[in-house]
C-alpha atoms as a PDB file:
ATOM      1  CA  UNK A   1      39.599  59.002 145.121  1.00  0.00           C
ATOM      2  CA  UNK A   2      37.251  61.596 143.776  1.00  0.00           C
ATOM      3  CA  UNK A   3      37.125  62.500 140.163  1.00  0.00           C
ATOM      4  CA  UNK A   4      38.618  65.993 140.826  1.00  0.00           C
ATOM      5  CA  UNK A   5      41.487  64.646 142.715  1.00  0.00           C
ATOM      6  CA  UNK A   6      42.192  61.997 140.112  1.00  0.00           C
ATOM      7  CA  UNK A   7      42.293  64.787 137.472  1.00  0.00           C
ATOM      8  CA  UNK A   8      44.450  67.000 139.565  1.00  0.00           C
ATOM      9  CA  UNK A   9      46.951  64.164 140.219  1.00  0.00           C
ATOM     10  CA  UNK A  10      47.069  63.236 136.546  1.00  0.00           C
ATOM     11  CA  UNK A  11      47.631  66.733 135.216  1.00  0.00           C
ATOM     12  CA  UNK A  12      49.742  68.185 138.119  1.00  0.00           C
ATOM     13  CA  UNK A  13      53.123  66.608 136.904  1.00  0.00           C
ATOM     14  CA  UNK A  14      52.446  67.453 133.298  1.00  0.00           C
ATOM     15  CA  UNK A  15      51.380  70.985 133.967  1.00  0.00           C
ATOM     16  CA  UNK A  16      54.302  71.571 136.367  1.00  0.00           C
ATOM     17  CA  UNK A  17      56.750  70.191 133.824  1.00  0.00           C
ATOM     18  CA  UNK A  18      55.372  72.576 131.065  1.00  0.00           C
ATOM     19  CA  UNK A  19      55.681  75.446 133.523  1.00  0.00           C
ATOM     20  CA  UNK A  20      59.169  74.365 134.405  1.00  0.00           C
ATOM     21  CA  UNK A  21      60.322  74.229 130.740  1.00  0.00           C
ATOM     22  CA  UNK A  22      58.859  77.715 130.204  1.00  0.00           C
ATOM     23  CA  UNK A  23      60.841  78.821 133.096  1.00  0.00           C
ATOM     24  CA  UNK A  24      64.089  77.305 131.990  1.00  0.00           C
ATOM     25  CA  UNK A  25      63.513  78.799 128.536  1.00  0.00           C
ATOM     26  CA  UNK A  26      63.616  82.270 130.171  1.00  0.00           C
ATOM     27  CA  UNK A  27      67.324  81.679 130.683  1.00  0.00           C
ATOM     28  CA  UNK A  28      67.951  81.459 126.974  1.00  0.00           C
ATOM     29  CA  UNK A  29      66.685  85.024 126.475  1.00  0.00           C
ATOM     30  CA  UNK A  30      70.004  86.378 127.677  1.00  0.00           C
ATOM     31  CA  UNK A  31      71.479  85.652 124.161  1.00  0.00           C
ATOM     32  CA  UNK A  32      69.644  88.816 122.918  1.00  0.00           C
ATOM     33  CA  UNK A  33      72.012  90.908 125.074  1.00  0.00           C
ATOM     34  CA  UNK A  34      74.864  89.925 122.925  1.00  0.00           C
ATOM     35  CA  UNK A  35      76.027  92.050 120.027  1.00  0.00           C
ATOM     36  CA  UNK A  36      76.614  89.455 117.214  1.00  0.00           C
ATOM     37  CA  UNK A  37      75.086  88.637 113.873  1.00  0.00           C
ATOM     38  CA  UNK A  38      71.574  87.121 113.498  1.00  0.00           C
ATOM     39  CA  UNK A  39      72.837  83.566 112.786  1.00  0.00           C
ATOM     40  CA  UNK A  40      75.074  83.650 115.767  1.00  0.00           C
ATOM     41  CA  UNK A  41      72.205  84.669 118.031  1.00  0.00           C
ATOM     42  CA  UNK A  42      69.904  82.012 116.478  1.00  0.00           C
ATOM     43  CA  UNK A  43      72.511  79.327 117.103  1.00  0.00           C
ATOM     44  CA  UNK A  44      73.195  80.631 120.621  1.00  0.00           C
ATOM     45  CA  UNK A  45      69.410  80.504 121.330  1.00  0.00           C
ATOM     46  CA  UNK A  46      69.132  76.960 120.096  1.00  0.00           C
ATOM     47  CA  UNK A  47      72.092  75.907 122.282  1.00  0.00           C
ATOM     48  CA  UNK A  48      70.634  77.609 125.284  1.00  0.00           C
ATOM     49  CA  UNK A  49      67.151  75.871 124.766  1.00  0.00           C
ATOM     50  CA  UNK A  50      68.766  72.377 124.934  1.00  0.00           C
ATOM     51  CA  UNK A  51      67.952  71.716 128.680  1.00  0.00           C
ATOM     52  CA  UNK A  52      64.304  72.908 127.862  1.00  0.00           C
ATOM     53  CA  UNK A  53      64.165  70.399 124.951  1.00  0.00           C
ATOM     54  CA  UNK A  54      65.505  67.563 127.198  1.00  0.00           C
ATOM     55  CA  UNK A  55      62.836  68.383 129.780  1.00  0.00           C
ATOM     56  CA  UNK A  56      60.107  68.331 127.029  1.00  0.00           C
ATOM     57  CA  UNK A  57      61.334  65.206 125.484  1.00  0.00           C
ATOM     58  CA  UNK A  58      61.237  63.356 128.897  1.00  0.00           C
ATOM     59  CA  UNK A  59      57.733  64.751 129.272  1.00  0.00           C
ATOM     60  CA  UNK A  60      56.646  63.224 125.940  1.00  0.00           C
ATOM     61  CA  UNK A  61      57.850  59.779 127.118  1.00  0.00           C
ATOM     62  CA  UNK A  62      56.527  60.313 130.683  1.00  0.00           C
ATOM     63  CA  UNK A  63      52.982  61.144 129.378  1.00  0.00           C
ATOM     64  CA  UNK A  64      52.510  57.460 128.558  1.00  0.00           C
ATOM     65  CA  UNK A  65      54.885  55.825 130.998  1.00  0.00           C
ATOM     66  CA  UNK A  66      54.990  57.658 134.300  1.00  0.00           C
ATOM     67  CA  UNK A  67      57.757  55.541 135.865  1.00  0.00           C
ATOM     68  CA  UNK A  68      60.055  56.593 133.216  1.00  0.00           C
ATOM     69  CA  UNK A  69      59.368  60.237 134.122  1.00  0.00           C
ATOM     70  CA  UNK A  70      59.879  59.455 137.805  1.00  0.00           C
ATOM     71  CA  UNK A  71      63.332  57.907 137.014  1.00  0.00           C
ATOM     72  CA  UNK A  72      64.486  60.343 134.477  1.00  0.00           C
ATOM     73  CA  UNK A  73      63.456  63.588 136.312  1.00  0.00           C
ATOM     74  CA  UNK A  74      64.958  62.315 139.421  1.00  0.00           C
ATOM     75  CA  UNK A  75      68.243  61.621 137.678  1.00  0.00           C
ATOM     76  CA  UNK A  76      68.044  64.998 135.879  1.00  0.00           C
ATOM     77  CA  UNK A  77      67.653  66.739 139.213  1.00  0.00           C
ATOM     78  CA  UNK A  78      70.500  64.663 140.587  1.00  0.00           C
ATOM     79  CA  UNK A  79      72.718  65.413 137.735  1.00  0.00           C
ATOM     80  CA  UNK A  80      72.015  69.098 137.975  1.00  0.00           C
ATOM     81  CA  UNK A  81      72.505  69.186 141.743  1.00  0.00           C
ATOM     82  CA  UNK A  82      75.952  67.593 141.222  1.00  0.00           C
ATOM     83  CA  UNK A  83      76.738  70.063 138.510  1.00  0.00           C
ATOM     84  CA  UNK A  84      75.715  72.853 140.831  1.00  0.00           C
ATOM     85  CA  UNK A  85      77.694  71.672 143.740  1.00  0.00           C
ATOM     86  CA  UNK A  86      80.786  71.167 141.532  1.00  0.00           C
ATOM     87  CA  UNK A  87      80.470  74.770 140.358  1.00  0.00           C
ATOM     88  CA  UNK A  88      80.126  75.885 143.976  1.00  0.00           C
ATOM     89  CA  UNK A  89      76.704  77.225 143.569  1.00  0.00           C
ATOM     90  CA  UNK A  90      74.470  75.258 145.880  1.00  0.00           C
ATOM     91  CA  UNK A  91      71.788  78.125 145.696  1.00  0.00           C
ATOM     92  CA  UNK A  92      71.178  76.984 142.092  1.00  0.00           C
ATOM     93  CA  UNK A  93      69.705  73.692 143.302  1.00  0.00           C
ATOM     94  CA  UNK A  94      66.593  75.135 144.688  1.00  0.00           C
ATOM     95  CA  UNK A  95      65.115  76.729 141.489  1.00  0.00           C
ATOM     96  CA  UNK A  96      66.366  74.120 139.029  1.00  0.00           C
ATOM     97  CA  UNK A  97      66.737  70.557 140.757  1.00  0.00           C
ATOM     98  CA  UNK A  98      63.982  70.665 143.314  1.00  0.00           C
ATOM     99  CA  UNK A  99      61.262  71.290 140.726  1.00  0.00           C
ATOM    100  CA  UNK A 100      62.570  68.274 138.767  1.00  0.00           C
ATOM    101  CA  UNK A 101      62.348  66.206 141.972  1.00  0.00           C
ATOM    102  CA  UNK A 102      58.664  67.417 142.535  1.00  0.00           C
ATOM    103  CA  UNK A 103      57.791  66.481 139.159  1.00  0.00           C
ATOM    104  CA  UNK A 104      59.451  63.206 139.534  1.00  0.00           C
ATOM    105  CA  UNK A 105      57.584  62.466 142.691  1.00  0.00           C
ATOM    106  CA  UNK A 106      54.277  63.389 141.102  1.00  0.00           C
ATOM    107  CA  UNK A 107      54.933  61.016 138.165  1.00  0.00           C
ATOM    108  CA  UNK A 108      55.855  58.317 140.657  1.00  0.00           C
ATOM    109  CA  UNK A 109      52.549  58.926 142.406  1.00  0.00           C
ATOM    110  CA  UNK A 110      50.762  58.778 139.000  1.00  0.00           C
ATOM    111  CA  UNK A 111      52.406  55.424 138.383  1.00  0.00           C
ATOM    112  CA  UNK A 112      51.531  54.004 141.736  1.00  0.00           C
ATOM    113  CA  UNK A 113      47.904  55.100 141.319  1.00  0.00           C
ATOM    114  CA  UNK A 114      47.671  54.339 137.637  1.00  0.00           C
ATOM    115  CA  UNK A 115      44.844  51.859 138.129  1.00  0.00           C
ATOM    116  CA  UNK A 116      42.636  54.336 139.900  1.00  0.00           C
ATOM    117  CA  UNK A 117      43.477  57.206 137.438  1.00  0.00           C
ATOM    118  CA  UNK A 118      42.796  55.119 134.354  1.00  0.00           C
ATOM    119  CA  UNK A 119      39.892  53.153 135.737  1.00  0.00           C
ATOM    120  CA  UNK A 120      36.807  53.101 133.226  1.00  0.00           C
ATOM    121  CA  UNK A 121      34.010  55.507 134.430  1.00  0.00           C
ATOM    122  CA  UNK A 122      30.899  53.448 135.584  1.00  0.00           C
ATOM    123  CA  UNK A 123      27.716  55.280 135.017  1.00  0.00           C
END
């Protein structure tokens, strides 16, 4: 495995997860369309950002233990897919659950290749 592909494999799930968290946080911006007081809007914004905080909390743990990220992101994607199907919105699965599963697969690949990725450089 080349050094470039090692770096790509190491950083891909982490960067995609951060990008996905930013994508999720865009959905919280709809609270600014409401006509309520400042504190109500701040509270609503914090509540709408809970999924983003969950994704980022899993990322913090996954940064060190990739297998945890593989398991938790798979579970989060399955949980959301089930939620979307119960709400009769299967079209929500593609933009939300599938990226979670892609990140999970990349963290699994990171975990399986951890010896190669974390091998000391020999000069």
